[in-house]
C-alpha atoms as a PDB file:
ATOM      1  CA  UNK A   1      22.927 150.447 -14.587  1.00  0.00           C
ATOM      2  CA  UNK A   2      24.340 153.127 -16.942  1.00  0.00           C
ATOM      3  CA  UNK A   3      23.230 151.521 -19.617  1.00  0.00           C
ATOM      4  CA  UNK A   4      19.597 150.843 -17.918  1.00  0.00           C
ATOM      5  CA  UNK A   5      19.842 155.238 -16.906  1.00  0.00           C
ATOM      6  CA  UNK A   6      20.088 155.929 -20.367  1.00  0.00           C
ATOM      7  CA  UNK A   7      17.509 153.593 -21.805  1.00  0.00           C
ATOM      8  CA  UNK A   8      15.419 155.535 -19.440  1.00  0.00           C
ATOM      9  CA  UNK A   9      16.397 159.149 -20.076  1.00  0.00           C
ATOM     10  CA  UNK A  10      15.800 158.382 -23.470  1.00  0.00           C
ATOM     11  CA  UNK A  11      12.249 157.372 -23.143  1.00  0.00           C
ATOM     12  CA  UNK A  12      11.404 160.200 -20.926  1.00  0.00           C
ATOM     13  CA  UNK A  13      12.526 162.480 -24.075  1.00  0.00           C
ATOM     14  CA  UNK A  14      10.055 163.829 -26.210  1.00  0.00           C
ATOM     15  CA  UNK A  15       9.072 161.512 -28.879  1.00  0.00           C
ATOM     16  CA  UNK A  16       9.249 164.515 -31.295  1.00  0.00           C
ATOM     17  CA  UNK A  17      12.867 165.292 -30.221  1.00  0.00           C
ATOM     18  CA  UNK A  18      13.569 161.471 -30.697  1.00  0.00           C
ATOM     19  CA  UNK A  19      13.083 161.662 -33.975  1.00  0.00           C
ATOM     20  CA  UNK A  20      14.393 165.087 -34.794  1.00  0.00           C
ATOM     21  CA  UNK A  21      16.358 165.781 -38.335  1.00  0.00           C
ATOM     22  CA  UNK A  22      17.904 168.244 -40.200  1.00  0.00           C
ATOM     23  CA  UNK A  23      16.801 170.109 -43.246  1.00  0.00           C
ATOM     24  CA  UNK A  24      18.749 172.229 -45.420  1.00  0.00           C
ATOM     25  CA  UNK A  25      16.328 174.814 -47.064  1.00  0.00           C
ATOM     26  CA  UNK A  26      17.449 177.433 -49.997  1.00  0.00           C
ATOM     27  CA  UNK A  27      14.816 180.920 -50.057  1.00  0.00           C
ATOM     28  CA  UNK A  28      14.583 183.434 -52.243  1.00  0.00           C
ATOM     29  CA  UNK A  29      15.478 186.875 -50.627  1.00  0.00           C
ATOM     30  CA  UNK A  30      12.196 188.372 -50.871  1.00  0.00           C
ATOM     31  CA  UNK A  31      10.980 185.697 -48.894  1.00  0.00           C
ATOM     32  CA  UNK A  32      13.492 185.211 -46.093  1.00  0.00           C
ATOM     33  CA  UNK A  33      11.313 187.173 -43.149  1.00  0.00           C
ATOM     34  CA  UNK A  34       8.319 185.028 -43.877  1.00  0.00           C
ATOM     35  CA  UNK A  35      11.264 181.889 -44.000  1.00  0.00           C
ATOM     36  CA  UNK A  36      12.383 182.813 -40.507  1.00  0.00           C
ATOM     37  CA  UNK A  37       9.271 182.619 -39.072  1.00  0.00           C
ATOM     38  CA  UNK A  38       7.961 179.598 -40.666  1.00  0.00           C
ATOM     39  CA  UNK A  39      10.671 177.664 -39.806  1.00  0.00           C
ATOM     40  CA  UNK A  40      11.295 178.685 -36.123  1.00  0.00           C
ATOM     41  CA  UNK A  41       7.375 177.627 -35.991  1.00  0.00           C
ATOM     42  CA  UNK A  42       8.101 174.573 -37.517  1.00  0.00           C
ATOM     43  CA  UNK A  43      10.935 173.848 -35.232  1.00  0.00           C
ATOM     44  CA  UNK A  44       9.049 174.499 -32.357  1.00  0.00           C
ATOM     45  CA  UNK A  45       6.360 172.036 -33.570  1.00  0.00           C
ATOM     46  CA  UNK A  46       8.398 169.493 -34.930  1.00  0.00           C
ATOM     47  CA  UNK A  47      11.661 169.131 -33.247  1.00  0.00           C
ATOM     48  CA  UNK A  48      13.627 168.946 -36.584  1.00  0.00           C
ATOM     49  CA  UNK A  49      16.269 171.427 -37.387  1.00  0.00           C
ATOM     50  CA  UNK A  50      16.313 173.874 -40.574  1.00  0.00           C
ATOM     51  CA  UNK A  51      19.771 175.331 -42.084  1.00  0.00           C
ATOM     52  CA  UNK A  52      18.371 178.310 -43.998  1.00  0.00           C
ATOM     53  CA  UNK A  53      20.452 180.035 -46.471  1.00  0.00           C
ATOM     54  CA  UNK A  54      19.099 182.331 -48.926  1.00  0.00           C
ATOM     55  CA  UNK A  55      19.938 184.794 -52.200  1.00  0.00           C
ATOM     56  CA  UNK A  56      18.319 185.956 -55.744  1.00  0.00           C
ATOM     57  CA  UNK A  57      16.581 182.578 -57.052  1.00  0.00           C
ATOM     58  CA  UNK A  58      18.823 182.439 -60.615  1.00  0.00           C
ATOM     59  CA  UNK A  59      21.648 182.089 -58.072  1.00  0.00           C
ATOM     60  CA  UNK A  60      20.229 179.547 -56.042  1.00  0.00           C
ATOM     61  CA  UNK A  61      19.178 177.762 -59.345  1.00  0.00           C
ATOM     62  CA  UNK A  62      22.237 177.694 -60.752  1.00  0.00           C
ATOM     63  CA  UNK A  63      24.072 176.258 -57.068  1.00  0.00           C
ATOM     64  CA  UNK A  64      21.213 173.728 -57.178  1.00  0.00           C
ATOM     65  CA  UNK A  65      22.243 172.229 -60.712  1.00  0.00           C
ATOM     66  CA  UNK A  66      25.838 172.571 -59.677  1.00  0.00           C
ATOM     67  CA  UNK A  67      24.937 169.988 -56.606  1.00  0.00           C
ATOM     68  CA  UNK A  68      24.460 171.981 -54.012  1.00  0.00           C
ATOM     69  CA  UNK A  69      23.022 170.045 -50.948  1.00  0.00           C
ATOM     70  CA  UNK A  70      19.639 171.677 -50.536  1.00  0.00           C
ATOM     71  CA  UNK A  71      16.761 169.698 -49.319  1.00  0.00           C
ATOM     72  CA  UNK A  72      13.698 172.305 -50.180  1.00  0.00           C
ATOM     73  CA  UNK A  73      14.293 175.420 -52.695  1.00  0.00           C
ATOM     74  CA  UNK A  74      11.800 178.034 -51.975  1.00  0.00           C
ATOM     75  CA  UNK A  75      11.954 180.317 -55.180  1.00  0.00           C
ATOM     76  CA  UNK A  76      10.382 183.774 -56.546  1.00  0.00           C
ATOM     77  CA  UNK A  77       9.049 182.764 -60.240  1.00  0.00           C
ATOM     78  CA  UNK A  78       8.114 179.267 -61.748  1.00  0.00           C
ATOM     79  CA  UNK A  79      10.580 179.399 -64.349  1.00  0.00           C
ATOM     80  CA  UNK A  80      13.310 177.661 -62.214  1.00  0.00           C
ATOM     81  CA  UNK A  81      11.412 174.863 -60.015  1.00  0.00           C
ATOM     82  CA  UNK A  82       9.565 174.054 -63.477  1.00  0.00           C
ATOM     83  CA  UNK A  83      13.032 173.040 -64.699  1.00  0.00           C
ATOM     84  CA  UNK A  84      14.579 171.350 -61.689  1.00  0.00           C
ATOM     85  CA  UNK A  85      11.385 169.261 -62.173  1.00  0.00           C
ATOM     86  CA  UNK A  86      12.087 168.734 -65.886  1.00  0.00           C
ATOM     87  CA  UNK A  87      15.437 167.844 -64.988  1.00  0.00           C
ATOM     88  CA  UNK A  88      14.804 165.155 -62.413  1.00  0.00           C
ATOM     89  CA  UNK A  89      16.459 167.205 -59.668  1.00  0.00           C
ATOM     90  CA  UNK A  90      13.479 167.966 -57.766  1.00  0.00           C
ATOM     91  CA  UNK A  91      11.001 165.228 -57.061  1.00  0.00           C
ATOM     92  CA  UNK A  92       7.622 168.006 -56.253  1.00  0.00           C
ATOM     93  CA  UNK A  93       6.642 171.290 -57.367  1.00  0.00           C
ATOM     94  CA  UNK A  94       3.904 173.236 -55.733  1.00  0.00           C
ATOM     95  CA  UNK A  95       2.934 177.079 -55.445  1.00  0.00           C
ATOM     96  CA  UNK A  96       3.455 178.438 -51.698  1.00  0.00           C
ATOM     97  CA  UNK A  97       3.123 182.346 -52.235  1.00  0.00           C
ATOM     98  CA  UNK A  98       2.023 185.268 -54.787  1.00  0.00           C
ATOM     99  CA  UNK A  99       4.131 188.172 -54.293  1.00  0.00           C
ATOM    100  CA  UNK A 100       3.734 191.787 -55.044  1.00  0.00           C
ATOM    101  CA  UNK A 101       6.210 194.293 -56.324  1.00  0.00           C
ATOM    102  CA  UNK A 102       6.229 197.772 -55.022  1.00  0.00           C
ATOM    103  CA  UNK A 103       7.554 201.878 -55.517  1.00  0.00           C
ATOM    104  CA  UNK A 104       9.306 203.028 -52.551  1.00  0.00           C
ATOM    105  CA  UNK A 105      10.507 206.745 -52.725  1.00  0.00           C
ATOM    106  CA  UNK A 106      10.952 209.538 -50.361  1.00  0.00           C
ATOM    107  CA  UNK A 107       8.468 211.976 -52.144  1.00  0.00           C
ATOM    108  CA  UNK A 108       4.766 211.133 -53.294  1.00  0.00           C
ATOM    109  CA  UNK A 109       4.859 209.559 -56.770  1.00  0.00           C
ATOM    110  CA  UNK A 110       2.030 210.586 -59.239  1.00  0.00           C
ATOM    111  CA  UNK A 111       2.440 207.094 -61.762  1.00  0.00           C
ATOM    112  CA  UNK A 112       0.824 209.447 -64.686  1.00  0.00           C
ATOM    113  CA  UNK A 113       3.771 211.478 -63.993  1.00  0.00           C
ATOM    114  CA  UNK A 114       6.256 208.335 -63.353  1.00  0.00           C
ATOM    115  CA  UNK A 115       9.215 209.990 -66.185  1.00  0.00           C
ATOM    116  CA  UNK A 116       9.222 213.473 -64.017  1.00  0.00           C
ATOM    117  CA  UNK A 117       9.175 211.778 -60.830  1.00  0.00           C
ATOM    118  CA  UNK A 118      12.377 209.221 -62.031  1.00  0.00           C
ATOM    119  CA  UNK A 119      14.338 212.304 -63.818  1.00  0.00           C
ATOM    120  CA  UNK A 120      17.851 211.811 -62.270  1.00  0.00           C
ATOM    121  CA  UNK A 121      17.377 209.757 -59.640  1.00  0.00           C
ATOM    122  CA  UNK A 122      19.097 206.475 -58.492  1.00  0.00           C
ATOM    123  CA  UNK A 123      16.537 203.952 -58.944  1.00  0.00           C
ATOM    124  CA  UNK A 124      17.539 200.216 -57.143  1.00  0.00           C
ATOM    125  CA  UNK A 125      16.276 197.159 -58.402  1.00  0.00           C
ATOM    126  CA  UNK A 126      16.877 193.721 -58.409  1.00  0.00           C
ATOM    127  CA  UNK A 127      19.138 192.265 -61.474  1.00  0.00           C
ATOM    128  CA  UNK A 128      16.035 190.928 -64.221  1.00  0.00           C
ATOM    129  CA  UNK A 129      18.624 188.101 -65.398  1.00  0.00           C
ATOM    130  CA  UNK A 130      18.843 186.164 -61.886  1.00  0.00           C
ATOM    131  CA  UNK A 131      15.639 187.995 -59.692  1.00  0.00           C
ATOM    132  CA  UNK A 132      12.147 187.605 -60.773  1.00  0.00           C
ATOM    133  CA  UNK A 133      11.396 190.742 -58.592  1.00  0.00           C
ATOM    134  CA  UNK A 134      13.867 192.591 -60.791  1.00  0.00           C
ATOM    135  CA  UNK A 135      11.965 190.898 -63.910  1.00  0.00           C
ATOM    136  CA  UNK A 136       8.631 192.353 -62.248  1.00  0.00           C
ATOM    137  CA  UNK A 137      10.343 195.788 -62.469  1.00  0.00           C
ATOM    138  CA  UNK A 138      11.512 196.173 -65.862  1.00  0.00           C
ATOM    139  CA  UNK A 139       7.968 195.452 -66.849  1.00  0.00           C
ATOM    140  CA  UNK A 140       6.560 197.941 -64.854  1.00  0.00           C
ATOM    141  CA  UNK A 141       8.956 200.552 -65.858  1.00  0.00           C
ATOM    142  CA  UNK A 142       7.861 199.473 -69.412  1.00  0.00           C
ATOM    143  CA  UNK A 143       4.167 200.234 -68.235  1.00  0.00           C
ATOM    144  CA  UNK A 144       4.854 203.341 -67.105  1.00  0.00           C
ATOM    145  CA  UNK A 145       7.015 204.564 -70.218  1.00  0.00           C
ATOM    146  CA  UNK A 146       9.992 204.740 -68.283  1.00  0.00           C
ATOM    147  CA  UNK A 147      13.552 204.938 -70.003  1.00  0.00           C
ATOM    148  CA  UNK A 148      16.719 204.072 -68.211  1.00  0.00           C
ATOM    149  CA  UNK A 149      18.541 206.908 -70.322  1.00  0.00           C
ATOM    150  CA  UNK A 150      16.791 209.283 -68.255  1.00  0.00           C
ATOM    151  CA  UNK A 151      17.601 207.953 -64.575  1.00  0.00           C
ATOM    152  CA  UNK A 152      20.413 206.627 -62.636  1.00  0.00           C
ATOM    153  CA  UNK A 153      19.641 202.445 -62.352  1.00  0.00           C
ATOM    154  CA  UNK A 154      21.212 200.836 -59.346  1.00  0.00           C
ATOM    155  CA  UNK A 155      21.024 196.779 -60.465  1.00  0.00           C
ATOM    156  CA  UNK A 156      21.985 194.227 -57.688  1.00  0.00           C
ATOM    157  CA  UNK A 157      21.753 190.792 -57.515  1.00  0.00           C
ATOM    158  CA  UNK A 158      18.394 190.086 -55.219  1.00  0.00           C
ATOM    159  CA  UNK A 159      15.542 192.640 -53.587  1.00  0.00           C
ATOM    160  CA  UNK A 160      16.992 192.428 -50.280  1.00  0.00           C
ATOM    161  CA  UNK A 161      19.965 194.625 -51.244  1.00  0.00           C
ATOM    162  CA  UNK A 162      17.425 196.748 -53.252  1.00  0.00           C
ATOM    163  CA  UNK A 163      15.764 197.473 -49.875  1.00  0.00           C
ATOM    164  CA  UNK A 164      19.025 198.023 -48.176  1.00  0.00           C
ATOM    165  CA  UNK A 165      20.073 200.424 -50.494  1.00  0.00           C
ATOM    166  CA  UNK A 166      17.192 202.779 -50.050  1.00  0.00           C
ATOM    167  CA  UNK A 167      17.321 202.329 -46.068  1.00  0.00           C
ATOM    168  CA  UNK A 168      20.852 203.704 -46.212  1.00  0.00           C
ATOM    169  CA  UNK A 169      19.980 206.376 -48.629  1.00  0.00           C
ATOM    170  CA  UNK A 170      21.701 204.928 -51.374  1.00  0.00           C
ATOM    171  CA  UNK A 171      19.049 205.115 -53.588  1.00  0.00           C
ATOM    172  CA  UNK A 172      16.004 207.515 -54.182  1.00  0.00           C
ATOM    173  CA  UNK A 173      13.614 205.030 -55.580  1.00  0.00           C
ATOM    174  CA  UNK A 174      13.393 201.009 -55.339  1.00  0.00           C
ATOM    175  CA  UNK A 175      11.172 198.448 -56.456  1.00  0.00           C
ATOM    176  CA  UNK A 176      11.212 196.206 -53.909  1.00  0.00           C
ATOM    177  CA  UNK A 177       8.712 192.848 -52.827  1.00  0.00           C
ATOM    178  CA  UNK A 178       5.656 194.173 -50.733  1.00  0.00           C
ATOM    179  CA  UNK A 179       6.783 191.787 -47.660  1.00  0.00           C
ATOM    180  CA  UNK A 180      10.061 193.679 -47.299  1.00  0.00           C
ATOM    181  CA  UNK A 181       7.787 197.000 -46.363  1.00  0.00           C
ATOM    182  CA  UNK A 182       7.674 196.258 -42.652  1.00  0.00           C
ATOM    183  CA  UNK A 183      11.989 196.204 -43.044  1.00  0.00           C
ATOM    184  CA  UNK A 184      12.208 199.724 -44.917  1.00  0.00           C
ATOM    185  CA  UNK A 185       9.701 201.863 -43.039  1.00  0.00           C
ATOM    186  CA  UNK A 186       9.241 203.798 -46.536  1.00  0.00           C
ATOM    187  CA  UNK A 187       7.833 207.174 -46.576  1.00  0.00           C
ATOM    188  CA  UNK A 188       5.548 206.723 -49.946  1.00  0.00           C
ATOM    189  CA  UNK A 189       4.815 203.635 -51.396  1.00  0.00           C
ATOM    190  CA  UNK A 190       3.401 203.016 -54.561  1.00  0.00           C
ATOM    191  CA  UNK A 191       1.531 199.655 -55.557  1.00  0.00           C
ATOM    192  CA  UNK A 192       2.892 198.344 -59.193  1.00  0.00           C
ATOM    193  CA  UNK A 193      -0.038 195.895 -59.060  1.00  0.00           C
ATOM    194  CA  UNK A 194      -1.240 195.172 -62.597  1.00  0.00           C
ATOM    195  CA  UNK A 195       1.694 196.793 -64.387  1.00  0.00           C
ATOM    196  CA  UNK A 196       3.650 192.983 -64.129  1.00  0.00           C
ATOM    197  CA  UNK A 197       2.475 189.401 -64.535  1.00  0.00           C
ATOM    198  CA  UNK A 198       1.867 187.717 -61.684  1.00  0.00           C
ATOM    199  CA  UNK A 199       4.937 186.613 -59.265  1.00  0.00           C
ATOM    200  CA  UNK A 200       3.838 182.908 -58.806  1.00  0.00           C
ATOM    201  CA  UNK A 201       6.617 181.717 -56.117  1.00  0.00           C
ATOM    202  CA  UNK A 202       6.939 177.866 -56.258  1.00  0.00           C
ATOM    203  CA  UNK A 203       8.789 175.673 -54.077  1.00  0.00           C
ATOM    204  CA  UNK A 204      10.459 172.494 -55.161  1.00  0.00           C
ATOM    205  CA  UNK A 205      11.165 169.367 -52.867  1.00  0.00           C
ATOM    206  CA  UNK A 206      14.736 167.983 -53.959  1.00  0.00           C
ATOM    207  CA  UNK A 207      14.803 164.267 -55.233  1.00  0.00           C
ATOM    208  CA  UNK A 208      17.975 163.740 -52.707  1.00  0.00           C
ATOM    209  CA  UNK A 209      15.401 164.996 -49.930  1.00  0.00           C
ATOM    210  CA  UNK A 210      14.219 161.303 -50.881  1.00  0.00           C
ATOM    211  CA  UNK A 211      13.835 159.075 -47.612  1.00  0.00           C
ATOM    212  CA  UNK A 212      14.678 162.656 -45.083  1.00  0.00           C
ATOM    213  CA  UNK A 213      11.699 162.847 -42.518  1.00  0.00           C
ATOM    214  CA  UNK A 214      12.729 166.349 -41.372  1.00  0.00           C
ATOM    215  CA  UNK A 215      12.637 167.478 -45.432  1.00  0.00           C
ATOM    216  CA  UNK A 216       9.344 165.693 -45.927  1.00  0.00           C
ATOM    217  CA  UNK A 217       7.959 167.169 -42.855  1.00  0.00           C
ATOM    218  CA  UNK A 218       9.050 170.786 -43.818  1.00  0.00           C
ATOM    219  CA  UNK A 219       7.414 170.464 -47.070  1.00  0.00           C
ATOM    220  CA  UNK A 220       4.534 169.371 -45.805  1.00  0.00           C
ATOM    221  CA  UNK A 221       3.966 171.648 -43.026  1.00  0.00           C
ATOM    222  CA  UNK A 222       4.445 174.306 -45.654  1.00  0.00           C
ATOM    223  CA  UNK A 223       1.176 174.326 -46.493  1.00  0.00           C
ATOM    224  CA  UNK A 224      -0.445 173.517 -43.835  1.00  0.00           C
ATOM    225  CA  UNK A 225      -2.500 176.480 -41.960  1.00  0.00           C
ATOM    226  CA  UNK A 226      -0.057 177.895 -39.550  1.00  0.00           C
ATOM    227  CA  UNK A 227       2.797 178.041 -42.212  1.00  0.00           C
ATOM    228  CA  UNK A 228      -0.090 179.777 -45.060  1.00  0.00           C
ATOM    229  CA  UNK A 229      -1.271 182.053 -41.926  1.00  0.00           C
ATOM    230  CA  UNK A 230       2.768 183.350 -41.371  1.00  0.00           C
ATOM    231  CA  UNK A 231       2.927 183.653 -45.635  1.00  0.00           C
ATOM    232  CA  UNK A 232      -0.268 185.705 -45.591  1.00  0.00           C
ATOM    233  CA  UNK A 233       0.584 188.062 -42.538  1.00  0.00           C
ATOM    234  CA  UNK A 234       4.068 188.613 -44.427  1.00  0.00           C
ATOM    235  CA  UNK A 235       2.116 190.288 -47.396  1.00  0.00           C
ATOM    236  CA  UNK A 236       1.746 187.783 -49.739  1.00  0.00           C
ATOM    237  CA  UNK A 237      -1.513 186.093 -51.265  1.00  0.00           C
ATOM    238  CA  UNK A 238      -2.060 182.265 -51.706  1.00  0.00           C
ATOM    239  CA  UNK A 239      -2.506 180.419 -54.240  1.00  0.00           C
ATOM    240  CA  UNK A 240      -6.254 179.002 -54.490  1.00  0.00           C
END
């Protein structure tokens, strides 16, 4: 009788829950807010459970190469995903978003007088060695003819930490992802569009995820209409 009751209860469960699985996703810090929204929608629709972890693209890449058990990696560049694909660690690679860098400040910035505006100020940016948005920041500074000797650079490991420095008042200016602006409420925002190479962000599906229905479902969902709408709502452009 008990067995019959259990079978009956299982039959009454929604199909999506009966087939629910787990997927581990690593995401670049700039995309964390958007990723959380995508994950929430995905879990609601699929019944699968997502474990989300975040950090700089370079740090996550190093963890993946060392064997970290991630199923999907949402990077902030194309270089590391391409390398993972070449090494056979990843089985698929695709661009999911195009980011934009902005400069946030407490006073209005005239880009033609950037050196004057930066003089003596505490300027936060992500480490260009591990964070693509940090690399974009250094390109932007070169475009503005800025010399780091003229201001106080504050180098941190990812763009999320850059935003924190500005919000807490520990930085006067900061180079952040446009997607983080709703969390910052900066008095002034200056676009760095055209002052750095496009920030094309690639995702990879790991070879270890082969046969993991939850991972494969999340990978497919990332490029579907609802996820793409969430991505654009968070300040990103989409690849053609």
